[in-house]
Amino acid sequence: MKTLLAIACVIAGSLFLACKKKNSDAPVERNYTPAVTAKGVAKGPAAEKVIGAAGGELQSADGALTIKVPPGAVNSDVVFSIQPISNTFDTNNIAYRLTPEGTNFSKPIAVVFSLY
């Protein structure tokens, strides 16, 4: 009888340890390979605005995209633009070219898409 009780305790302990909850807050690393497509061609006028150290916003001509630059993200006046371009990946949707390209900002900027 003591042997059966010992075996039951070992099995119960093993099941308890096997059912341990995983940490769902741990970051998940994914390795994505971006699709490389040809650059799109301009499809209408670009919206442009000079935004300085005080911050500001720029909205695309169709109102679908907004660049939000917080105060302190740039140290001097910078020309931002949103150019609608042909979408070479999904021809049913518009794409945008955002500038300035390659700029390192002191604070994160936001790119907001409006769904309509």
N, C-alpha and C. Protein backbone atom coordinates (compact mmCIF):
# COMPACT_ATOMS: atom_id res chain seq x y z
N MET A 1 0.82 -1.19 0.00
CA MET A 1 0.00 0.00 0.00
C MET A 1 0.87 1.27 0.00
N LYS A 2 1.95 1.28 0.78
CA LYS A 2 2.86 2.42 0.81
C LYS A 2 3.51 2.64 -0.55
N THR A 3 3.78 1.56 -1.27
CA THR A 3 4.38 1.67 -2.59
C THR A 3 3.41 2.34 -3.56
N LEU A 4 2.14 1.95 -3.51
CA LEU A 4 1.14 2.56 -4.39
C LEU A 4 0.97 4.04 -4.07
N LEU A 5 1.00 4.39 -2.79
CA LEU A 5 0.88 5.79 -2.39
C LEU A 5 2.08 6.59 -2.88
N ALA A 6 3.27 6.03 -2.80
CA ALA A 6 4.47 6.71 -3.28
C ALA A 6 4.41 6.92 -4.78
N ILE A 7 3.96 5.90 -5.51
CA ILE A 7 3.85 6.01 -6.97
C ILE A 7 2.81 7.08 -7.33
N ALA A 8 1.69 7.10 -6.62
CA ALA A 8 0.65 8.09 -6.88
C ALA A 8 1.17 9.50 -6.63
N CYS A 9 1.96 9.68 -5.57
CA CYS A 9 2.53 11.00 -5.27
C CYS A 9 3.51 11.44 -6.36
N VAL A 10 4.31 10.51 -6.86
CA VAL A 10 5.26 10.84 -7.92
C VAL A 10 4.51 11.24 -9.19
N ILE A 11 3.47 10.48 -9.53
CA ILE A 11 2.69 10.79 -10.74
C ILE A 11 1.99 12.14 -10.57
N ALA A 12 1.40 12.40 -9.42
CA ALA A 12 0.71 13.67 -9.18
C ALA A 12 1.69 14.84 -9.25
N GLY A 13 2.86 14.66 -8.66
CA GLY A 13 3.89 15.71 -8.71
C GLY A 13 4.35 15.98 -10.13
N SER A 14 4.52 14.93 -10.91
CA SER A 14 4.95 15.08 -12.31
C SER A 14 3.89 15.83 -13.12
N LEU A 15 2.63 15.47 -12.89
CA LEU A 15 1.55 16.16 -13.61
C LEU A 15 1.48 17.63 -13.21
N PHE A 16 1.68 17.91 -11.94
CA PHE A 16 1.66 19.29 -11.45
C PHE A 16 2.75 20.11 -12.13
N LEU A 17 3.95 19.56 -12.21
CA LEU A 17 5.06 20.28 -12.82
C LEU A 17 4.87 20.43 -14.34
N ALA A 18 4.26 19.43 -14.96
CA ALA A 18 4.04 19.48 -16.41
C ALA A 18 2.99 20.52 -16.78
N CYS A 19 2.11 20.86 -15.88
CA CYS A 19 1.03 21.81 -16.16
C CYS A 19 1.38 23.24 -15.77
N LYS A 20 2.64 23.51 -15.54
CA LYS A 20 3.07 24.83 -15.13
C LYS A 20 2.72 25.85 -16.23
N LYS A 21 2.13 26.97 -15.83
CA LYS A 21 1.72 28.02 -16.76
C LYS A 21 2.95 28.72 -17.32
N LYS A 22 2.93 28.94 -18.64
CA LYS A 22 4.03 29.64 -19.29
C LYS A 22 3.85 31.14 -19.08
N ASN A 23 4.96 31.87 -19.11
CA ASN A 23 4.94 33.32 -18.96
C ASN A 23 4.47 33.94 -20.27
N SER A 24 3.24 34.47 -20.27
CA SER A 24 2.68 35.05 -21.50
C SER A 24 3.18 36.47 -21.75
N ASP A 25 3.90 37.05 -20.78
CA ASP A 25 4.42 38.40 -20.95
C ASP A 25 5.78 38.42 -21.65
N ALA A 26 6.36 37.25 -21.86
CA ALA A 26 7.67 37.18 -22.49
C ALA A 26 7.55 37.61 -23.96
N PRO A 27 8.48 38.41 -24.45
CA PRO A 27 8.41 38.84 -25.85
C PRO A 27 8.58 37.65 -26.79
N VAL A 28 7.88 37.73 -27.89
CA VAL A 28 7.96 36.68 -28.91
C VAL A 28 8.81 37.21 -30.05
N GLU A 29 9.88 36.50 -30.35
CA GLU A 29 10.73 36.92 -31.45
C GLU A 29 10.28 36.24 -32.73
N ARG A 30 10.13 37.04 -33.77
CA ARG A 30 9.74 36.51 -35.07
C ARG A 30 10.73 37.02 -36.10
N ASN A 31 11.09 36.18 -36.99
CA ASN A 31 11.99 36.58 -38.07
C ASN A 31 11.20 36.66 -39.36
N TYR A 32 10.88 37.88 -39.77
CA TYR A 32 10.14 38.10 -40.99
C TYR A 32 11.11 38.56 -42.08
N THR A 33 10.85 38.13 -43.26
CA THR A 33 11.60 38.60 -44.41
C THR A 33 10.68 39.55 -45.17
N PRO A 34 11.03 40.84 -45.22
CA PRO A 34 10.14 41.78 -45.90
C PRO A 34 10.11 41.52 -47.40
N ALA A 35 8.96 41.81 -47.99
CA ALA A 35 8.83 41.69 -49.44
C ALA A 35 9.50 42.90 -50.07
N VAL A 36 10.32 42.66 -51.06
CA VAL A 36 11.00 43.74 -51.76
C VAL A 36 10.31 43.91 -53.11
N THR A 37 9.79 45.12 -53.34
CA THR A 37 9.10 45.41 -54.59
C THR A 37 9.70 46.66 -55.22
N ALA A 38 9.35 46.90 -56.45
CA ALA A 38 9.82 48.11 -57.13
C ALA A 38 9.22 49.34 -56.46
N LYS A 39 9.91 50.47 -56.56
CA LYS A 39 9.38 51.71 -56.01
C LYS A 39 8.18 52.17 -56.82
N GLY A 40 7.17 52.67 -56.12
CA GLY A 40 5.98 53.18 -56.80
C GLY A 40 6.23 54.52 -57.45
N VAL A 41 5.36 54.87 -58.37
CA VAL A 41 5.46 56.16 -59.04
C VAL A 41 4.41 57.11 -58.45
N ALA A 42 4.70 58.39 -58.50
CA ALA A 42 3.82 59.41 -57.92
C ALA A 42 2.42 59.33 -58.53
N LYS A 43 1.42 59.46 -57.65
CA LYS A 43 0.02 59.44 -58.05
C LYS A 43 -0.70 60.64 -57.47
N GLY A 44 -0.29 61.82 -57.85
CA GLY A 44 -0.89 63.03 -57.33
C GLY A 44 0.12 63.87 -56.58
N PRO A 45 -0.31 65.06 -56.15
CA PRO A 45 0.61 65.98 -55.48
C PRO A 45 0.96 65.51 -54.06
N ALA A 46 2.18 65.84 -53.66
CA ALA A 46 2.62 65.53 -52.30
C ALA A 46 2.14 66.62 -51.35
N ALA A 47 1.79 66.22 -50.14
CA ALA A 47 1.51 67.18 -49.07
C ALA A 47 2.85 67.44 -48.38
N GLU A 48 3.21 68.70 -48.19
CA GLU A 48 4.48 69.05 -47.57
C GLU A 48 4.26 70.08 -46.47
N LYS A 49 5.12 69.99 -45.46
CA LYS A 49 5.06 70.96 -44.37
C LYS A 49 6.41 71.01 -43.67
N VAL A 50 6.83 72.22 -43.31
CA VAL A 50 8.05 72.39 -42.52
C VAL A 50 7.64 72.26 -41.06
N ILE A 51 8.27 71.33 -40.36
CA ILE A 51 8.00 71.11 -38.93
C ILE A 51 9.30 71.30 -38.18
N GLY A 52 9.26 72.11 -37.14
CA GLY A 52 10.46 72.42 -36.37
C GLY A 52 10.43 71.78 -34.98
N ALA A 53 11.25 72.32 -34.11
CA ALA A 53 11.43 71.77 -32.76
C ALA A 53 10.14 71.80 -31.94
N ALA A 54 9.20 72.68 -32.26
CA ALA A 54 7.94 72.76 -31.53
C ALA A 54 6.99 71.60 -31.87
N GLY A 55 7.30 70.86 -32.94
CA GLY A 55 6.46 69.74 -33.35
C GLY A 55 5.33 70.19 -34.26
N GLY A 56 4.55 69.23 -34.71
CA GLY A 56 3.44 69.54 -35.59
C GLY A 56 2.90 68.29 -36.25
N GLU A 57 1.95 68.49 -37.16
CA GLU A 57 1.32 67.38 -37.87
C GLU A 57 1.24 67.69 -39.35
N LEU A 58 1.26 66.64 -40.14
CA LEU A 58 1.06 66.74 -41.58
C LEU A 58 0.10 65.64 -41.99
N GLN A 59 -0.92 66.02 -42.77
CA GLN A 59 -1.92 65.06 -43.23
C GLN A 59 -1.84 64.93 -44.74
N SER A 60 -2.04 63.71 -45.24
CA SER A 60 -2.06 63.48 -46.68
C SER A 60 -3.26 64.20 -47.30
N ALA A 61 -3.20 64.47 -48.59
CA ALA A 61 -4.26 65.20 -49.28
C ALA A 61 -5.60 64.48 -49.18
N ASP A 62 -5.59 63.14 -49.12
CA ASP A 62 -6.85 62.38 -49.03
C ASP A 62 -7.30 62.18 -47.58
N GLY A 63 -6.52 62.66 -46.62
CA GLY A 63 -6.89 62.54 -45.21
C GLY A 63 -6.69 61.16 -44.61
N ALA A 64 -6.12 60.24 -45.36
CA ALA A 64 -5.98 58.87 -44.89
C ALA A 64 -4.77 58.65 -44.00
N LEU A 65 -3.78 59.54 -44.05
CA LEU A 65 -2.55 59.32 -43.31
C LEU A 65 -2.11 60.62 -42.67
N THR A 66 -1.66 60.54 -41.42
CA THR A 66 -1.17 61.71 -40.70
C THR A 66 0.17 61.37 -40.05
N ILE A 67 1.12 62.27 -40.19
CA ILE A 67 2.40 62.17 -39.48
C ILE A 67 2.32 63.12 -38.30
N LYS A 68 2.53 62.59 -37.09
CA LYS A 68 2.50 63.42 -35.87
C LYS A 68 3.92 63.49 -35.30
N VAL A 69 4.44 64.71 -35.24
CA VAL A 69 5.80 64.94 -34.77
C VAL A 69 5.71 65.65 -33.42
N PRO A 70 6.15 65.00 -32.33
CA PRO A 70 6.06 65.65 -31.02
C PRO A 70 7.14 66.71 -30.85
N PRO A 71 6.93 67.65 -29.93
CA PRO A 71 7.97 68.64 -29.64
C PRO A 71 9.29 67.95 -29.28
N GLY A 72 10.37 68.45 -29.84
CA GLY A 72 11.69 67.91 -29.54
C GLY A 72 12.11 66.73 -30.40
N ALA A 73 11.26 66.28 -31.31
CA ALA A 73 11.63 65.14 -32.17
C ALA A 73 12.69 65.55 -33.18
N VAL A 74 12.63 66.82 -33.62
CA VAL A 74 13.67 67.38 -34.49
C VAL A 74 14.20 68.65 -33.83
N ASN A 75 15.46 68.97 -34.11
CA ASN A 75 16.09 70.13 -33.47
C ASN A 75 15.97 71.41 -34.29
N SER A 76 15.67 71.25 -35.59
CA SER A 76 15.57 72.42 -36.47
C SER A 76 14.44 72.17 -37.47
N ASP A 77 14.19 73.13 -38.34
CA ASP A 77 13.13 72.98 -39.33
C ASP A 77 13.47 71.85 -40.30
N VAL A 78 12.50 70.97 -40.51
CA VAL A 78 12.65 69.82 -41.41
C VAL A 78 11.42 69.77 -42.31
N VAL A 79 11.62 69.54 -43.60
CA VAL A 79 10.51 69.41 -44.53
C VAL A 79 10.02 67.96 -44.50
N PHE A 80 8.76 67.78 -44.10
CA PHE A 80 8.11 66.47 -44.11
C PHE A 80 7.19 66.42 -45.32
N SER A 81 7.04 65.24 -45.92
CA SER A 81 6.10 65.12 -47.03
C SER A 81 5.46 63.74 -47.05
N ILE A 82 4.26 63.72 -47.61
CA ILE A 82 3.51 62.48 -47.82
C ILE A 82 3.13 62.47 -49.30
N GLN A 83 3.71 61.55 -50.04
CA GLN A 83 3.48 61.46 -51.48
C GLN A 83 2.68 60.20 -51.79
N PRO A 84 1.46 60.33 -52.35
CA PRO A 84 0.75 59.13 -52.77
C PRO A 84 1.48 58.52 -53.97
N ILE A 85 1.68 57.21 -53.94
CA ILE A 85 2.39 56.51 -55.01
C ILE A 85 1.63 55.26 -55.40
N SER A 86 1.97 54.71 -56.54
CA SER A 86 1.38 53.44 -56.96
C SER A 86 1.87 52.35 -56.02
N ASN A 87 1.00 51.42 -55.71
CA ASN A 87 1.34 50.32 -54.82
C ASN A 87 1.79 49.14 -55.68
N THR A 88 3.05 48.80 -55.65
CA THR A 88 3.58 47.73 -56.49
C THR A 88 3.45 46.37 -55.84
N PHE A 89 2.93 46.31 -54.63
CA PHE A 89 2.71 45.04 -53.94
C PHE A 89 1.25 44.62 -54.03
N ASP A 90 0.34 45.56 -53.80
CA ASP A 90 -1.09 45.29 -53.82
C ASP A 90 -1.75 46.38 -54.67
N THR A 91 -2.04 46.07 -55.91
CA THR A 91 -2.51 47.09 -56.85
C THR A 91 -3.90 47.62 -56.52
N ASN A 92 -4.61 47.02 -55.56
CA ASN A 92 -5.94 47.50 -55.19
C ASN A 92 -5.90 48.62 -54.16
N ASN A 93 -4.76 48.93 -53.63
CA ASN A 93 -4.64 49.95 -52.58
C ASN A 93 -3.57 50.96 -52.92
N ILE A 94 -3.72 52.15 -52.35
CA ILE A 94 -2.75 53.23 -52.54
C ILE A 94 -1.59 53.00 -51.56
N ALA A 95 -0.46 53.56 -51.88
CA ALA A 95 0.70 53.53 -50.99
C ALA A 95 1.20 54.96 -50.84
N TYR A 96 2.08 55.18 -49.90
CA TYR A 96 2.60 56.52 -49.65
C TYR A 96 4.11 56.46 -49.46
N ARG A 97 4.78 57.49 -49.95
CA ARG A 97 6.21 57.66 -49.67
C ARG A 97 6.31 58.80 -48.66
N LEU A 98 6.96 58.52 -47.54
CA LEU A 98 7.09 59.51 -46.47
C LEU A 98 8.52 60.03 -46.44
N THR A 99 8.67 61.33 -46.30
CA THR A 99 10.01 61.89 -46.14
C THR A 99 10.00 62.83 -44.94
N PRO A 100 11.13 63.03 -44.32
CA PRO A 100 12.49 62.81 -44.79
C PRO A 100 12.94 61.36 -44.55
N GLU A 101 13.51 60.75 -45.56
CA GLU A 101 14.01 59.38 -45.43
C GLU A 101 15.33 59.39 -44.67
N GLY A 102 15.53 58.36 -43.87
CA GLY A 102 16.80 58.17 -43.18
C GLY A 102 17.06 59.12 -42.03
N THR A 103 16.07 59.85 -41.58
CA THR A 103 16.25 60.79 -40.48
C THR A 103 16.12 60.06 -39.14
N ASN A 104 17.03 60.36 -38.24
CA ASN A 104 16.94 59.85 -36.87
C ASN A 104 16.28 60.92 -36.02
N PHE A 105 15.15 60.58 -35.41
CA PHE A 105 14.41 61.53 -34.60
C PHE A 105 14.80 61.39 -33.13
N SER A 106 14.79 62.51 -32.41
CA SER A 106 15.14 62.50 -30.99
C SER A 106 14.04 61.86 -30.15
N LYS A 107 12.81 61.90 -30.64
CA LYS A 107 11.66 61.27 -29.99
C LYS A 107 10.88 60.53 -31.06
N PRO A 108 10.15 59.48 -30.69
CA PRO A 108 9.36 58.75 -31.69
C PRO A 108 8.28 59.62 -32.30
N ILE A 109 8.12 59.51 -33.60
CA ILE A 109 7.01 60.17 -34.28
C ILE A 109 5.93 59.12 -34.51
N ALA A 110 4.72 59.56 -34.83
CA ALA A 110 3.61 58.62 -35.06
C ALA A 110 3.13 58.76 -36.50
N VAL A 111 2.84 57.63 -37.11
CA VAL A 111 2.21 57.59 -38.43
C VAL A 111 0.86 56.95 -38.22
N VAL A 112 -0.21 57.71 -38.47
CA VAL A 112 -1.56 57.27 -38.15
C VAL A 112 -2.35 57.11 -39.45
N PHE A 113 -2.94 55.92 -39.64
CA PHE A 113 -3.80 55.66 -40.79
C PHE A 113 -5.25 55.77 -40.35
N SER A 114 -6.04 56.47 -41.13
CA SER A 114 -7.47 56.58 -40.86
C SER A 114 -8.21 55.62 -41.76
N LEU A 115 -9.00 54.75 -41.18
CA LEU A 115 -9.77 53.80 -41.96
C LEU A 115 -11.12 54.42 -42.30
N TYR A 116 -11.48 54.35 -43.54
CA TYR A 116 -12.77 54.89 -43.95
C TYR A 116 -13.34 54.03 -45.03
